[in-house]
PDB file of N, CA and C in Angstrom:
ATOM      1  N   MET A   1      11.154 -40.323 -32.564  1.00  0.00           N
ATOM      2  CA  MET A   1      12.547 -40.030 -31.625  1.00  0.00           C
ATOM      3  C   MET A   1      13.257 -41.034 -32.026  1.00  0.00           C
ATOM      4  N   GLU A   2      14.189 -40.373 -32.323  1.00  0.00           N
ATOM      5  CA  GLU A   2      15.805 -41.155 -32.311  1.00  0.00           C
ATOM      6  C   GLU A   2      16.133 -42.819 -31.259  1.00  0.00           C
ATOM      7  N   LYS A   3      16.174 -43.651 -31.790  1.00  0.00           N
ATOM      8  CA  LYS A   3      16.484 -45.178 -30.923  1.00  0.00           C
ATOM      9  C   LYS A   3      18.322 -44.652 -31.231  1.00  0.00           C
ATOM     10  N   VAL A   4      18.453 -44.675 -29.206  1.00  0.00           N
ATOM     11  CA  VAL A   4      19.412 -44.533 -28.902  1.00  0.00           C
ATOM     12  C   VAL A   4      19.729 -45.233 -27.278  1.00  0.00           C
ATOM     13  N   SER A   5      21.135 -45.915 -27.386  1.00  0.00           N
ATOM     14  CA  SER A   5      21.067 -46.435 -26.298  1.00  0.00           C
ATOM     15  C   SER A   5      21.401 -45.994 -24.967  1.00  0.00           C
ATOM     16  N   MET A   6      20.479 -46.113 -23.621  1.00  0.00           N
ATOM     17  CA  MET A   6      20.873 -45.789 -22.484  1.00  0.00           C
ATOM     18  C   MET A   6      21.751 -44.947 -22.344  1.00  0.00           C
ATOM     19  N   LEU A   7      23.054 -45.432 -22.427  1.00  0.00           N
ATOM     20  CA  LEU A   7      24.077 -44.031 -21.600  1.00  0.00           C
ATOM     21  C   LEU A   7      24.107 -43.158 -22.949  1.00  0.00           C
ATOM     22  N   ALA A   8      23.575 -42.846 -24.211  1.00  0.00           N
ATOM     23  CA  ALA A   8      23.780 -42.220 -24.380  1.00  0.00           C
ATOM     24  C   ALA A   8      22.331 -41.167 -24.651  1.00  0.00           C
ATOM     25  N   LYS A   9      21.597 -41.665 -24.000  1.00  0.00           N
ATOM     26  CA  LYS A   9      20.471 -41.053 -23.660  1.00  0.00           C
ATOM     27  C   LYS A   9      20.745 -40.056 -22.083  1.00  0.00           C
ATOM     28  N   MET A  10      21.747 -40.106 -21.405  1.00  0.00           N
ATOM     29  CA  MET A  10      22.222 -39.467 -20.146  1.00  0.00           C
ATOM     30  C   MET A  10      23.183 -38.026 -20.457  1.00  0.00           C
ATOM     31  N   PRO A  11      22.607 -37.146 -19.809  1.00  0.00           N
ATOM     32  CA  PRO A  11      23.404 -35.631 -19.902  1.00  0.00           C
ATOM     33  C   PRO A  11      24.617 -36.114 -19.459  1.00  0.00           C
ATOM     34  N   GLY A  12      25.481 -34.822 -19.597  1.00  0.00           N
ATOM     35  CA  GLY A  12      26.519 -34.693 -19.269  1.00  0.00           C
ATOM     36  C   GLY A  12      27.550 -35.415 -19.793  1.00  0.00           C
ATOM     37  N   ASP A  13      28.620 -34.831 -19.446  1.00  0.00           N
ATOM     38  CA  ASP A  13      29.966 -35.417 -20.008  1.00  0.00           C
ATOM     39  C   ASP A  13      29.959 -36.994 -19.411  1.00  0.00           C
ATOM     40  N   GLU A  14      31.266 -37.460 -20.152  1.00  0.00           N
ATOM     41  CA  GLU A  14      31.272 -39.125 -20.828  1.00  0.00           C
ATOM     42  C   GLU A  14      31.156 -40.138 -18.802  1.00  0.00           C
ATOM     43  N   TRP A  15      31.811 -38.878 -17.937  1.00  0.00           N
ATOM     44  CA  TRP A  15      31.726 -39.771 -16.130  1.00  0.00           C
ATOM     45  C   TRP A  15      30.575 -39.840 -15.940  1.00  0.00           C
ATOM     46  N   GLN A  16      29.888 -38.430 -16.344  1.00  0.00           N
ATOM     47  CA  GLN A  16      28.410 -38.064 -15.208  1.00  0.00           C
ATOM     48  C   GLN A  16      27.620 -38.792 -16.365  1.00  0.00           C
ATOM     49  N   LYS A  17      27.339 -39.205 -17.563  1.00  0.00           N
ATOM     50  CA  LYS A  17      26.778 -40.593 -18.327  1.00  0.00           C
ATOM     51  C   LYS A  17      26.794 -41.619 -17.775  1.00  0.00           C
ATOM     52  N   PHE A  18      27.971 -42.096 -16.716  1.00  0.00           N
ATOM     53  CA  PHE A  18      27.732 -43.265 -16.699  1.00  0.00           C
ATOM     54  C   PHE A  18      27.192 -43.225 -14.551  1.00  0.00           C
ATOM     55  N   ALA A  19      27.765 -41.910 -15.034  1.00  0.00           N
ATOM     56  CA  ALA A  19      26.923 -41.893 -12.892  1.00  0.00           C
ATOM     57  C   ALA A  19      25.872 -41.897 -12.899  1.00  0.00           C
ATOM     58  N   ASN A  20      24.967 -41.367 -14.077  1.00  0.00           N
ATOM     59  CA  ASN A  20      23.794 -41.397 -13.573  1.00  0.00           C
ATOM     60  C   ASN A  20      23.168 -42.499 -14.423  1.00  0.00           C
ATOM     61  N   LEU A  21      23.749 -43.691 -14.836  1.00  0.00           N
ATOM     62  CA  LEU A  21      23.327 -44.720 -15.473  1.00  0.00           C
ATOM     63  C   LEU A  21      23.357 -45.633 -14.401  1.00  0.00           C
ATOM     64  N   ARG A  22      24.374 -45.325 -13.836  1.00  0.00           N
ATOM     65  CA  ARG A  22      24.431 -46.643 -12.566  1.00  0.00           C
ATOM     66  C   ARG A  22      23.880 -46.113 -11.553  1.00  0.00           C
ATOM     67  N   LEU A  23      23.243 -44.912 -11.503  1.00  0.00           N
ATOM     68  CA  LEU A  23      22.229 -44.345 -10.353  1.00  0.00           C
ATOM     69  C   LEU A  23      20.720 -44.595 -11.019  1.00  0.00           C
ATOM     70  N   LEU A  24      21.015 -45.160 -12.301  1.00  0.00           N
ATOM     71  CA  LEU A  24      19.091 -45.190 -12.521  1.00  0.00           C
ATOM     72  C   LEU A  24      18.895 -46.690 -12.407  1.00  0.00           C
ATOM     73  N   TYR A  25      20.512 -47.691 -12.850  1.00  0.00           N
ATOM     74  CA  TYR A  25      20.345 -49.249 -12.853  1.00  0.00           C
ATOM     75  C   TYR A  25      19.756 -49.370 -11.476  1.00  0.00           C
ATOM     76  N   GLY A  26      20.642 -48.553 -10.287  1.00  0.00           N
ATOM     77  CA  GLY A  26      20.623 -48.754  -9.029  1.00  0.00           C
ATOM     78  C   GLY A  26      18.768 -48.569  -8.036  1.00  0.00           C
ATOM     79  N   TYR A  27      18.589 -47.410  -8.539  1.00  0.00           N
ATOM     80  CA  TYR A  27      16.743 -46.976  -8.688  1.00  0.00           C
ATOM     81  C   TYR A  27      16.148 -48.387  -9.508  1.00  0.00           C
ATOM     82  N   MET A  28      16.656 -48.712 -10.192  1.00  0.00           N
ATOM     83  CA  MET A  28      15.603 -49.523 -11.468  1.00  0.00           C
ATOM     84  C   MET A  28      15.207 -50.599  -9.741  1.00  0.00           C
ATOM     85  N   PHE A  29      16.556 -51.381  -9.677  1.00  0.00           N
ATOM     86  CA  PHE A  29      16.758 -52.687  -9.263  1.00  0.00           C
ATOM     87  C   PHE A  29      16.637 -53.039  -7.761  1.00  0.00           C
ATOM     88  N   SER A  30      16.376 -51.669  -7.377  1.00  0.00           N
ATOM     89  CA  SER A  30      15.928 -51.539  -5.739  1.00  0.00           C
ATOM     90  C   SER A  30      14.556 -51.685  -5.287  1.00  0.00           C
ATOM     91  N   HIS A  31      13.264 -51.466  -6.734  1.00  0.00           N
ATOM     92  CA  HIS A  31      11.898 -51.743  -6.641  1.00  0.00           C
ATOM     93  C   HIS A  31      11.490 -52.953  -6.903  1.00  0.00           C
ATOM     94  N   PRO A  32      10.936 -53.179  -6.464  1.00  0.00           N
ATOM     95  CA  PRO A  32       9.871 -54.838  -6.881  1.00  0.00           C
ATOM     96  C   PRO A  32       9.778 -54.836  -8.466  1.00  0.00           C
ATOM     97  N   GLY A  33       9.259 -56.228  -8.713  1.00  0.00           N
ATOM     98  CA  GLY A  33       9.171 -56.358 -10.042  1.00  0.00           C
ATOM     99  C   GLY A  33      10.189 -57.363 -10.591  1.00  0.00           C
ATOM    100  N   LYS A  34       9.432 -56.943 -12.142  1.00  0.00           N
ATOM    101  CA  LYS A  34      10.883 -57.559 -12.881  1.00  0.00           C
ATOM    102  C   LYS A  34      11.852 -56.425 -13.592  1.00  0.00           C
ATOM    103  N   LYS A  35      13.043 -56.825 -13.618  1.00  0.00           N
ATOM    104  CA  LYS A  35      14.289 -56.646 -13.843  1.00  0.00           C
ATOM    105  C   LYS A  35      14.921 -56.460 -15.438  1.00  0.00           C
ATOM    106  N   LEU A  36      14.376 -56.001 -16.246  1.00  0.00           N
ATOM    107  CA  LEU A  36      14.694 -55.972 -17.591  1.00  0.00           C
ATOM    108  C   LEU A  36      15.531 -55.173 -18.320  1.00  0.00           C
ATOM    109  N   LEU A  37      16.546 -55.554 -18.629  1.00  0.00           N
ATOM    110  CA  LEU A  37      17.840 -54.462 -19.761  1.00  0.00           C
ATOM    111  C   LEU A  37      17.849 -54.929 -20.851  1.00  0.00           C
ATOM    112  N   PHE A  38      17.955 -54.014 -22.030  1.00  0.00           N
ATOM    113  CA  PHE A  38      18.334 -54.624 -22.666  1.00  0.00           C
ATOM    114  C   PHE A  38      19.596 -54.795 -23.739  1.00  0.00           C
ATOM    115  N   MET A  39      19.983 -56.156 -24.231  1.00  0.00           N
ATOM    116  CA  MET A  39      21.162 -56.402 -24.769  1.00  0.00           C
ATOM    117  C   MET A  39      22.221 -54.890 -24.644  1.00  0.00           C
ATOM    118  N   GLY A  40      23.405 -55.236 -24.075  1.00  0.00           N
ATOM    119  CA  GLY A  40      23.930 -54.088 -24.528  1.00  0.00           C
ATOM    120  C   GLY A  40      24.001 -52.751 -23.729  1.00  0.00           C
ATOM    121  N   ASP A  41      22.892 -52.901 -22.687  1.00  0.00           N
ATOM    122  CA  ASP A  41      22.911 -51.949 -21.422  1.00  0.00           C
ATOM    123  C   ASP A  41      23.221 -52.595 -20.680  1.00  0.00           C
ATOM    124  N   GLU A  42      23.852 -53.719 -20.282  1.00  0.00           N
ATOM    125  CA  GLU A  42      23.860 -54.175 -19.050  1.00  0.00           C
ATOM    126  C   GLU A  42      26.164 -54.230 -19.247  1.00  0.00           C
ATOM    127  N   PHE A  43      26.473 -53.592 -20.136  1.00  0.00           N
ATOM    128  CA  PHE A  43      27.709 -53.015 -20.310  1.00  0.00           C
ATOM    129  C   PHE A  43      27.840 -51.014 -20.260  1.00  0.00           C
ATOM    130  N   GLY A  44      26.971 -50.726 -21.192  1.00  0.00           N
ATOM    131  CA  GLY A  44      27.130 -49.498 -21.243  1.00  0.00           C
ATOM    132  C   GLY A  44      27.712 -49.092 -23.083  1.00  0.00           C
ATOM    133  N   GLN A  45      26.800 -49.931 -23.600  1.00  0.00           N
ATOM    134  CA  GLN A  45      26.804 -49.968 -25.026  1.00  0.00           C
ATOM    135  C   GLN A  45      26.904 -48.040 -25.866  1.00  0.00           C
ATOM    136  N   TRP A  46      27.735 -47.979 -26.351  1.00  0.00           N
ATOM    137  CA  TRP A  46      27.361 -46.066 -26.673  1.00  0.00           C
ATOM    138  C   TRP A  46      26.230 -46.651 -27.908  1.00  0.00           C
ATOM    139  N   SER A  47      26.339 -47.469 -28.794  1.00  0.00           N
ATOM    140  CA  SER A  47      25.505 -47.537 -30.122  1.00  0.00           C
ATOM    141  C   SER A  47      23.932 -48.240 -29.381  1.00  0.00           C
ATOM    142  N   GLU A  48      23.437 -48.073 -29.868  1.00  0.00           N
ATOM    143  CA  GLU A  48      22.193 -49.354 -30.093  1.00  0.00           C
ATOM    144  C   GLU A  48      22.022 -50.335 -30.342  1.00  0.00           C
ATOM    145  N   TRP A  49      21.875 -51.795 -29.765  1.00  0.00           N
ATOM    146  CA  TRP A  49      22.053 -53.307 -30.694  1.00  0.00           C
ATOM    147  C   TRP A  49      21.513 -53.582 -31.721  1.00  0.00           C
ATOM    148  N   ASN A  50      22.855 -54.124 -32.521  1.00  0.00           N
ATOM    149  CA  ASN A  50      22.010 -54.389 -34.069  1.00  0.00           C
ATOM    150  C   ASN A  50      22.371 -55.582 -34.297  1.00  0.00           C
ATOM    151  N   HIS A  51      21.175 -56.592 -35.070  1.00  0.00           N
ATOM    152  CA  HIS A  51      21.480 -57.730 -34.796  1.00  0.00           C
ATOM    153  C   HIS A  51      22.297 -58.065 -35.573  1.00  0.00           C
ATOM    154  N   ASP A  52      23.146 -57.361 -36.970  1.00  0.00           N
ATOM    155  CA  ASP A  52      23.899 -57.947 -37.863  1.00  0.00           C
ATOM    156  C   ASP A  52      25.272 -57.618 -37.361  1.00  0.00           C
ATOM    157  N   THR A  53      25.605 -56.941 -36.265  1.00  0.00           N
ATOM    158  CA  THR A  53      27.003 -56.527 -35.972  1.00  0.00           C
ATOM    159  C   THR A  53      27.683 -56.998 -33.792  1.00  0.00           C
ATOM    160  N   GLY A  54      26.045 -57.433 -33.527  1.00  0.00           N
ATOM    161  CA  GLY A  54      26.129 -58.216 -32.449  1.00  0.00           C
ATOM    162  C   GLY A  54      26.728 -56.675 -31.207  1.00  0.00           C
ATOM    163  N   LEU A  55      27.186 -57.541 -29.939  1.00  0.00           N
ATOM    164  CA  LEU A  55      27.202 -56.870 -28.629  1.00  0.00           C
ATOM    165  C   LEU A  55      28.971 -56.479 -28.774  1.00  0.00           C
ATOM    166  N   GLN A  56      29.434 -55.258 -28.201  1.00  0.00           N
ATOM    167  CA  GLN A  56      30.436 -54.360 -28.712  1.00  0.00           C
ATOM    168  C   GLN A  56      31.337 -55.101 -27.127  1.00  0.00           C
ATOM    169  N   TRP A  57      31.346 -55.872 -26.595  1.00  0.00           N
ATOM    170  CA  TRP A  57      32.340 -56.704 -25.791  1.00  0.00           C
ATOM    171  C   TRP A  57      33.572 -55.874 -25.438  1.00  0.00           C
ATOM    172  N   HIS A  58      34.363 -56.033 -26.029  1.00  0.00           N
ATOM    173  CA  HIS A  58      35.507 -55.322 -26.196  1.00  0.00           C
ATOM    174  C   HIS A  58      35.311 -53.734 -25.030  1.00  0.00           C
ATOM    175  N   LEU A  59      34.181 -52.964 -25.330  1.00  0.00           N
ATOM    176  CA  LEU A  59      34.083 -51.891 -23.944  1.00  0.00           C
ATOM    177  C   LEU A  59      34.260 -52.522 -22.143  1.00  0.00           C
ATOM    178  N   VAL A  60      34.212 -53.750 -22.220  1.00  0.00           N
ATOM    179  CA  VAL A  60      34.029 -54.777 -20.947  1.00  0.00           C
ATOM    180  C   VAL A  60      35.218 -54.232 -20.426  1.00  0.00           C
ATOM    181  N   ALA A  61      36.455 -53.966 -21.307  1.00  0.00           N
ATOM    182  CA  ALA A  61      37.892 -53.622 -20.739  1.00  0.00           C
ATOM    183  C   ALA A  61      37.715 -52.436 -20.461  1.00  0.00           C
ATOM    184  N   ASN A  62      37.441 -51.509 -21.039  1.00  0.00           N
ATOM    185  CA  ASN A  62      37.137 -49.936 -20.060  1.00  0.00           C
ATOM    186  C   ASN A  62      36.985 -50.045 -18.716  1.00  0.00           C
ATOM    187  N   PRO A  63      37.083 -49.658 -18.012  1.00  0.00           N
ATOM    188  CA  PRO A  63      36.949 -49.775 -16.275  1.00  0.00           C
ATOM    189  C   PRO A  63      35.666 -48.659 -16.073  1.00  0.00           C
ATOM    190  N   MET A  64      35.494 -47.456 -17.199  1.00  0.00           N
ATOM    191  CA  MET A  64      33.836 -47.346 -16.718  1.00  0.00           C
ATOM    192  C   MET A  64      32.526 -47.252 -17.568  1.00  0.00           C
ATOM    193  N   HIS A  65      33.085 -48.763 -18.373  1.00  0.00           N
ATOM    194  CA  HIS A  65      32.095 -49.547 -18.852  1.00  0.00           C
ATOM    195  C   HIS A  65      32.027 -50.347 -17.809  1.00  0.00           C
ATOM    196  N   SER A  66      33.260 -51.324 -17.599  1.00  0.00           N
ATOM    197  CA  SER A  66      32.893 -52.176 -16.173  1.00  0.00           C
ATOM    198  C   SER A  66      32.426 -51.836 -14.938  1.00  0.00           C
ATOM    199  N   GLY A  67      32.480 -51.065 -14.739  1.00  0.00           N
ATOM    200  CA  GLY A  67      31.552 -50.371 -13.433  1.00  0.00           C
ATOM    201  C   GLY A  67      30.086 -50.836 -13.227  1.00  0.00           C
ATOM    202  N   LEU A  68      29.284 -51.457 -14.626  1.00  0.00           N
ATOM    203  CA  LEU A  68      27.900 -51.106 -14.413  1.00  0.00           C
ATOM    204  C   LEU A  68      27.810 -52.218 -14.268  1.00  0.00           C
ATOM    205  N   PRO A  69      28.270 -53.936 -15.000  1.00  0.00           N
ATOM    206  CA  PRO A  69      28.627 -55.040 -14.435  1.00  0.00           C
ATOM    207  C   PRO A  69      28.504 -55.372 -13.180  1.00  0.00           C
ATOM    208  N   ALA A  70      29.672 -54.702 -11.939  1.00  0.00           N
ATOM    209  CA  ALA A  70      30.216 -54.363 -11.555  1.00  0.00           C
ATOM    210  C   ALA A  70      29.064 -54.042 -10.185  1.00  0.00           C
ATOM    211  N   LEU A  71      27.959 -53.073 -10.626  1.00  0.00           N
ATOM    212  CA  LEU A  71      27.105 -52.705  -9.958  1.00  0.00           C
ATOM    213  C   LEU A  71      26.059 -53.580 -10.020  1.00  0.00           C
ATOM    214  N   GLY A  72      25.477 -54.576 -10.973  1.00  0.00           N
ATOM    215  CA  GLY A  72      24.609 -55.285 -10.952  1.00  0.00           C
ATOM    216  C   GLY A  72      25.118 -56.797 -10.547  1.00  0.00           C
ATOM    217  N   GLY A  73      26.500 -57.182 -10.277  1.00  0.00           N
ATOM    218  CA  GLY A  73      26.924 -58.223  -8.582  1.00  0.00           C
ATOM    219  C   GLY A  73      26.565 -57.900  -7.457  1.00  0.00           C
ATOM    220  N   ALA A  74      26.625 -56.478  -6.968  1.00  0.00           N
ATOM    221  CA  ALA A  74      26.743 -55.770  -5.983  1.00  0.00           C
ATOM    222  C   ALA A  74      25.068 -55.892  -5.439  1.00  0.00           C
ATOM    223  N   ILE A  75      23.948 -55.921  -6.404  1.00  0.00           N
ATOM    224  CA  ILE A  75      22.814 -56.012  -6.249  1.00  0.00           C
ATOM    225  C   ILE A  75      22.155 -57.066  -5.753  1.00  0.00           C
TER     226      ILE A  75
END
C-alpha cells in the first residue's frame, strides 16, 4: 500500500476531497478518546510528510486548505 496523505486518499474531485476530510475529522473529534493527527494533516497537505522537506505551510493561504484548521478551532 502506498503511503499518501489523508487528503490524497479521499475520493472525488478537489472540493469533495476537502469536504470528506472535514467530515472525517468532525466525526473523529466527536468521539471520546485521544485525537491524533499526523504532521500536515491539520491543514490538508497533499503529499505525505517528509522530514527532509518539512511541512508545506504555504498551503494555508489557500481557502480550501485553511478550512481544515478552522474546523479544528470550532470543535
